[in-house]
PDB file of N, CA and C in Angstrom:
ATOM      1  N   MET A   1     -10.150 -39.933  35.538  1.00  0.00           N
ATOM      2  CA  MET A   1     -10.271 -40.177  34.111  1.00  0.00           C
ATOM      3  C   MET A   1     -11.737 -40.063  33.699  1.00  0.00           C
ATOM      4  N   SER A   2     -11.969 -39.541  32.512  1.00  0.00           N
ATOM      5  CA  SER A   2     -13.322 -39.377  31.987  1.00  0.00           C
ATOM      6  C   SER A   2     -13.898 -40.715  31.555  1.00  0.00           C
ATOM      7  N   PRO A   3     -15.234 -40.855  31.606  1.00  0.00           N
ATOM      8  CA  PRO A   3     -15.856 -42.076  31.103  1.00  0.00           C
ATOM      9  C   PRO A   3     -15.594 -42.205  29.605  1.00  0.00           C
ATOM     10  N   THR A   4     -15.539 -43.432  29.119  1.00  0.00           N
ATOM     11  CA  THR A   4     -15.233 -43.660  27.707  1.00  0.00           C
ATOM     12  C   THR A   4     -16.330 -44.478  27.034  1.00  0.00           C
ATOM     13  N   ARG A   5     -16.304 -44.471  25.712  1.00  0.00           N
ATOM     14  CA  ARG A   5     -17.200 -45.269  24.872  1.00  0.00           C
ATOM     15  C   ARG A   5     -16.345 -45.939  23.801  1.00  0.00           C
ATOM     16  N   LYS A   6     -16.719 -47.152  23.449  1.00  0.00           N
ATOM     17  CA  LYS A   6     -15.994 -47.875  22.411  1.00  0.00           C
ATOM     18  C   LYS A   6     -16.792 -47.779  21.114  1.00  0.00           C
ATOM     19  N   ILE A   7     -16.130 -47.383  20.042  1.00  0.00           N
ATOM     20  CA  ILE A   7     -16.721 -47.324  18.706  1.00  0.00           C
ATOM     21  C   ILE A   7     -15.828 -48.165  17.812  1.00  0.00           C
ATOM     22  N   GLY A   8     -16.323 -49.329  17.401  1.00  0.00           N
ATOM     23  CA  GLY A   8     -15.479 -50.259  16.655  1.00  0.00           C
ATOM     24  C   GLY A   8     -14.351 -50.718  17.551  1.00  0.00           C
ATOM     25  N   ASN A   9     -13.131 -50.585  17.082  1.00  0.00           N
ATOM     26  CA  ASN A   9     -11.956 -50.967  17.862  1.00  0.00           C
ATOM     27  C   ASN A   9     -11.335 -49.794  18.609  1.00  0.00           C
ATOM     28  N   ALA A  10     -11.920 -48.620  18.469  1.00  0.00           N
ATOM     29  CA  ALA A  10     -11.353 -47.416  19.084  1.00  0.00           C
ATOM     30  C   ALA A  10     -12.145 -47.032  20.330  1.00  0.00           C
ATOM     31  N   THR A  11     -11.467 -46.439  21.294  1.00  0.00           N
ATOM     32  CA  THR A  11     -12.098 -45.957  22.513  1.00  0.00           C
ATOM     33  C   THR A  11     -11.967 -44.435  22.574  1.00  0.00           C
ATOM     34  N   PHE A  12     -13.079 -43.772  22.862  1.00  0.00           N
ATOM     35  CA  PHE A  12     -13.120 -42.314  22.904  1.00  0.00           C
ATOM     36  C   PHE A  12     -13.730 -41.862  24.222  1.00  0.00           C
ATOM     37  N   SER A  13     -13.470 -40.621  24.593  1.00  0.00           N
ATOM     38  CA  SER A  13     -14.115 -40.072  25.782  1.00  0.00           C
ATOM     39  C   SER A  13     -15.612 -39.958  25.508  1.00  0.00           C
ATOM     40  N   ALA A  14     -16.415 -40.182  26.540  1.00  0.00           N
ATOM     41  CA  ALA A  14     -17.870 -40.126  26.399  1.00  0.00           C
ATOM     42  C   ALA A  14     -18.346 -38.702  26.124  1.00  0.00           C
ATOM     43  N   ILE A  15     -17.613 -37.729  26.614  1.00  0.00           N
ATOM     44  CA  ILE A  15     -17.963 -36.327  26.385  1.00  0.00           C
ATOM     45  C   ILE A  15     -17.039 -35.782  25.310  1.00  0.00           C
ATOM     46  N   GLY A  16     -17.640 -35.260  24.249  1.00  0.00           N
ATOM     47  CA  GLY A  16     -16.852 -34.740  23.135  1.00  0.00           C
ATOM     48  C   GLY A  16     -16.606 -33.248  23.246  1.00  0.00           C
ATOM     49  N   PHE A  17     -15.696 -32.784  22.428  1.00  0.00           N
ATOM     50  CA  PHE A  17     -15.368 -31.356  22.367  1.00  0.00           C
ATOM     51  C   PHE A  17     -15.813 -30.827  21.012  1.00  0.00           C
ATOM     52  N   GLY A  18     -16.747 -29.897  20.988  1.00  0.00           N
ATOM     53  CA  GLY A  18     -17.201 -29.279  19.751  1.00  0.00           C
ATOM     54  C   GLY A  18     -16.217 -28.210  19.311  1.00  0.00           C
ATOM     55  N   ALA A  19     -15.450 -28.507  18.285  1.00  0.00           N
ATOM     56  CA  ALA A  19     -14.344 -27.634  17.899  1.00  0.00           C
ATOM     57  C   ALA A  19     -14.742 -26.499  16.947  1.00  0.00           C
ATOM     58  N   SER A  20     -15.994 -26.442  16.532  1.00  0.00           N
ATOM     59  CA  SER A  20     -16.363 -25.382  15.587  1.00  0.00           C
ATOM     60  C   SER A  20     -16.185 -23.993  16.184  1.00  0.00           C
ATOM     61  N   SER A  21     -16.237 -23.894  17.512  1.00  0.00           N
ATOM     62  CA  SER A  21     -16.042 -22.582  18.147  1.00  0.00           C
ATOM     63  C   SER A  21     -14.611 -22.072  17.972  1.00  0.00           C
ATOM     64  N   LEU A  22     -13.698 -22.941  17.600  1.00  0.00           N
ATOM     65  CA  LEU A  22     -12.313 -22.524  17.384  1.00  0.00           C
ATOM     66  C   LEU A  22     -12.090 -21.982  15.973  1.00  0.00           C
ATOM     67  N   ALA A  23     -13.077 -22.135  15.113  1.00  0.00           N
ATOM     68  CA  ALA A  23     -12.888 -21.775  13.709  1.00  0.00           C
ATOM     69  C   ALA A  23     -13.900 -20.749  13.217  1.00  0.00           C
ATOM     70  N   ALA A  24     -14.235 -19.777  14.026  1.00  0.00           N
ATOM     71  CA  ALA A  24     -15.079 -18.635  13.657  1.00  0.00           C
ATOM     72  C   ALA A  24     -16.565 -18.950  13.558  1.00  0.00           C
ATOM     73  N   ALA A  25     -17.024 -20.100  14.021  1.00  0.00           N
ATOM     74  CA  ALA A  25     -18.449 -20.406  13.953  1.00  0.00           C
ATOM     75  C   ALA A  25     -19.265 -19.502  14.865  1.00  0.00           C
ATOM     76  N   TYR A  26     -18.652 -19.026  15.953  1.00  0.00           N
ATOM     77  CA  TYR A  26     -19.384 -18.223  16.934  1.00  0.00           C
ATOM     78  C   TYR A  26     -18.741 -16.870  17.207  1.00  0.00           C
ATOM     79  N   GLY A  27     -17.919 -16.386  16.301  1.00  0.00           N
ATOM     80  CA  GLY A  27     -17.294 -15.088  16.516  1.00  0.00           C
ATOM     81  C   GLY A  27     -15.857 -15.072  16.045  1.00  0.00           C
ATOM     82  N   PRO A  28     -15.103 -14.074  16.472  1.00  0.00           N
ATOM     83  CA  PRO A  28     -13.717 -13.929  16.024  1.00  0.00           C
ATOM     84  C   PRO A  28     -12.859 -15.137  16.417  1.00  0.00           C
ATOM     85  N   VAL A  29     -11.883 -15.421  15.580  1.00  0.00           N
ATOM     86  CA  VAL A  29     -10.977 -16.549  15.812  1.00  0.00           C
ATOM     87  C   VAL A  29      -9.811 -16.100  16.684  1.00  0.00           C
ATOM     88  N   ALA A  30      -9.499 -16.882  17.697  1.00  0.00           N
ATOM     89  CA  ALA A  30      -8.340 -16.606  18.545  1.00  0.00           C
ATOM     90  C   ALA A  30      -7.072 -16.951  17.775  1.00  0.00           C
ATOM     91  N   SER A  31      -5.946 -16.565  18.300  1.00  0.00           N
ATOM     92  CA  SER A  31      -4.673 -16.891  17.650  1.00  0.00           C
ATOM     93  C   SER A  31      -4.480 -18.407  17.646  1.00  0.00           C
ATOM     94  N   GLU A  32      -3.629 -18.884  16.767  1.00  0.00           N
ATOM     95  CA  GLU A  32      -3.357 -20.317  16.696  1.00  0.00           C
ATOM     96  C   GLU A  32      -2.823 -20.828  18.037  1.00  0.00           C
ATOM     97  N   GLU A  33      -1.977 -20.022  18.684  1.00  0.00           N
ATOM     98  CA  GLU A  33      -1.419 -20.400  19.981  1.00  0.00           C
ATOM     99  C   GLU A  33      -2.535 -20.597  21.014  1.00  0.00           C
ATOM    100  N   GLU A  34      -3.510 -19.679  21.050  1.00  0.00           N
ATOM    101  CA  GLU A  34      -4.631 -19.785  21.991  1.00  0.00           C
ATOM    102  C   GLU A  34      -5.502 -20.993  21.675  1.00  0.00           C
ATOM    103  N   ARG A  35      -5.745 -21.249  20.385  1.00  0.00           N
ATOM    104  CA  ARG A  35      -6.558 -22.406  20.014  1.00  0.00           C
ATOM    105  C   ARG A  35      -5.885 -23.705  20.435  1.00  0.00           C
ATOM    106  N   PHE A  36      -4.563 -23.801  20.281  1.00  0.00           N
ATOM    107  CA  PHE A  36      -3.858 -25.003  20.701  1.00  0.00           C
ATOM    108  C   PHE A  36      -3.874 -25.150  22.221  1.00  0.00           C
ATOM    109  N   LYS A  37      -3.849 -24.042  22.949  1.00  0.00           N
ATOM    110  CA  LYS A  37      -3.946 -24.107  24.414  1.00  0.00           C
ATOM    111  C   LYS A  37      -5.293 -24.708  24.819  1.00  0.00           C
ATOM    112  N   ILE A  38      -6.350 -24.333  24.112  1.00  0.00           N
ATOM    113  CA  ILE A  38      -7.685 -24.871  24.397  1.00  0.00           C
ATOM    114  C   ILE A  38      -7.719 -26.371  24.111  1.00  0.00           C
ATOM    115  N   LEU A  39      -7.167 -26.778  22.984  1.00  0.00           N
ATOM    116  CA  LEU A  39      -7.135 -28.209  22.646  1.00  0.00           C
ATOM    117  C   LEU A  39      -6.268 -28.987  23.627  1.00  0.00           C
ATOM    118  N   ASP A  40      -5.143 -28.413  24.025  1.00  0.00           N
ATOM    119  CA  ASP A  40      -4.277 -29.064  25.029  1.00  0.00           C
ATOM    120  C   ASP A  40      -5.040 -29.258  26.344  1.00  0.00           C
ATOM    121  N   ALA A  41      -5.806 -28.252  26.749  1.00  0.00           N
ATOM    122  CA  ALA A  41      -6.566 -28.344  27.996  1.00  0.00           C
ATOM    123  C   ALA A  41      -7.656 -29.405  27.892  1.00  0.00           C
ATOM    124  N   ALA A  42      -8.327 -29.477  26.754  1.00  0.00           N
ATOM    125  CA  ALA A  42      -9.356 -30.504  26.549  1.00  0.00           C
ATOM    126  C   ALA A  42      -8.731 -31.899  26.635  1.00  0.00           C
ATOM    127  N   HIS A  43      -7.592 -32.078  25.986  1.00  0.00           N
ATOM    128  CA  HIS A  43      -6.908 -33.369  26.015  1.00  0.00           C
ATOM    129  C   HIS A  43      -6.438 -33.710  27.429  1.00  0.00           C
ATOM    130  N   ALA A  44      -5.884 -32.745  28.135  1.00  0.00           N
ATOM    131  CA  ALA A  44      -5.416 -32.971  29.507  1.00  0.00           C
ATOM    132  C   ALA A  44      -6.569 -33.359  30.434  1.00  0.00           C
ATOM    133  N   ALA A  45      -7.775 -32.871  30.113  1.00  0.00           N
ATOM    134  CA  ALA A  45      -8.954 -33.196  30.920  1.00  0.00           C
ATOM    135  C   ALA A  45      -9.525 -34.561  30.554  1.00  0.00           C
ATOM    136  N   GLY A  46      -8.918 -35.225  29.571  1.00  0.00           N
ATOM    137  CA  GLY A  46      -9.362 -36.563  29.195  1.00  0.00           C
ATOM    138  C   GLY A  46     -10.277 -36.617  27.995  1.00  0.00           C
ATOM    139  N   CYS A  47     -10.537 -35.481  27.369  1.00  0.00           N
ATOM    140  CA  CYS A  47     -11.412 -35.449  26.201  1.00  0.00           C
ATOM    141  C   CYS A  47     -10.610 -35.837  24.960  1.00  0.00           C
ATOM    142  N   THR A  48     -10.948 -36.989  24.385  1.00  0.00           N
ATOM    143  CA  THR A  48     -10.239 -37.473  23.198  1.00  0.00           C
ATOM    144  C   THR A  48     -11.144 -37.573  21.982  1.00  0.00           C
ATOM    145  N   PHE A  49     -12.388 -37.135  22.104  1.00  0.00           N
ATOM    146  CA  PHE A  49     -13.317 -37.119  20.972  1.00  0.00           C
ATOM    147  C   PHE A  49     -13.596 -35.670  20.613  1.00  0.00           C
ATOM    148  N   TRP A  50     -13.036 -35.236  19.499  1.00  0.00           N
ATOM    149  CA  TRP A  50     -13.185 -33.849  19.067  1.00  0.00           C
ATOM    150  C   TRP A  50     -14.033 -33.814  17.815  1.00  0.00           C
ATOM    151  N   ASP A  51     -15.164 -33.135  17.887  1.00  0.00           N
ATOM    152  CA  ASP A  51     -16.068 -33.021  16.750  1.00  0.00           C
ATOM    153  C   ASP A  51     -15.624 -31.859  15.876  1.00  0.00           C
ATOM    154  N   THR A  52     -14.990 -32.189  14.759  1.00  0.00           N
ATOM    155  CA  THR A  52     -14.558 -31.148  13.825  1.00  0.00           C
ATOM    156  C   THR A  52     -15.458 -31.108  12.593  1.00  0.00           C
ATOM    157  N   ALA A  53     -16.449 -31.983  12.510  1.00  0.00           N
ATOM    158  CA  ALA A  53     -17.452 -32.003  11.444  1.00  0.00           C
ATOM    159  C   ALA A  53     -16.894 -31.641  10.066  1.00  0.00           C
ATOM    160  N   GLU A  54     -17.623 -31.994   9.084  1.00  0.00           N
ATOM    161  CA  GLU A  54     -17.245 -31.713   7.701  1.00  0.00           C
ATOM    162  C   GLU A  54     -17.913 -30.396   7.324  1.00  0.00           C
ATOM    163  N   SER A  55     -17.275 -29.290   7.692  1.00  0.00           N
ATOM    164  CA  SER A  55     -17.821 -27.977   7.383  1.00  0.00           C
ATOM    165  C   SER A  55     -16.685 -27.005   7.087  1.00  0.00           C
ATOM    166  N   PRO A  56     -16.974 -25.953   6.341  1.00  0.00           N
ATOM    167  CA  PRO A  56     -15.919 -24.984   6.008  1.00  0.00           C
ATOM    168  C   PRO A  56     -15.253 -24.370   7.233  1.00  0.00           C
ATOM    169  N   THR A  57     -15.990 -24.190   8.333  1.00  0.00           N
ATOM    170  CA  THR A  57     -15.406 -23.546   9.504  1.00  0.00           C
ATOM    171  C   THR A  57     -14.397 -24.434  10.219  1.00  0.00           C
ATOM    172  N   CYS A  58     -14.478 -25.749  10.019  1.00  0.00           N
ATOM    173  CA  CYS A  58     -13.577 -26.661  10.729  1.00  0.00           C
ATOM    174  C   CYS A  58     -12.441 -27.184   9.864  1.00  0.00           C
ATOM    175  N   THR A  59     -12.388 -26.778   8.615  1.00  0.00           N
ATOM    176  CA  THR A  59     -11.340 -27.260   7.718  1.00  0.00           C
ATOM    177  C   THR A  59      -9.959 -26.935   8.253  1.00  0.00           C
ATOM    178  N   ALA A  60      -9.755 -25.752   8.816  1.00  0.00           N
ATOM    179  CA  ALA A  60      -8.437 -25.376   9.326  1.00  0.00           C
ATOM    180  C   ALA A  60      -7.999 -26.256  10.487  1.00  0.00           C
ATOM    181  N   ILE A  61      -8.926 -26.649  11.334  1.00  0.00           N
ATOM    182  CA  ILE A  61      -8.597 -27.523  12.470  1.00  0.00           C
ATOM    183  C   ILE A  61      -8.210 -28.900  11.973  1.00  0.00           C
ATOM    184  N   GLN A  62      -8.944 -29.432  11.003  1.00  0.00           N
ATOM    185  CA  GLN A  62      -8.668 -30.768  10.500  1.00  0.00           C
ATOM    186  C   GLN A  62      -7.320 -30.839   9.811  1.00  0.00           C
ATOM    187  N   ARG A  63      -6.875 -29.746   9.216  1.00  0.00           N
ATOM    188  CA  ARG A  63      -5.588 -29.758   8.504  1.00  0.00           C
ATOM    189  C   ARG A  63      -4.382 -29.646   9.414  1.00  0.00           C
ATOM    190  N   THR A  64      -4.563 -29.105  10.638  1.00  0.00           N
ATOM    191  CA  THR A  64      -3.403 -28.872  11.505  1.00  0.00           C
ATOM    192  C   THR A  64      -3.153 -30.006  12.442  1.00  0.00           C
TER     193      THR A  64
END
């Protein structure tokens, strides 16, 4: 299991996942199926803190 950090009453993985790469911040966007496979793999590895930031490139991730 990954190390965790407590923020308020919630516990998150100490290592976060920067999700902007899934929303065209660094190049072409993969299919929705491929993006979900990446998120599934991050979650399976114990990463529960996903940085989707308040930016136009991450709006699609936050809505799904």
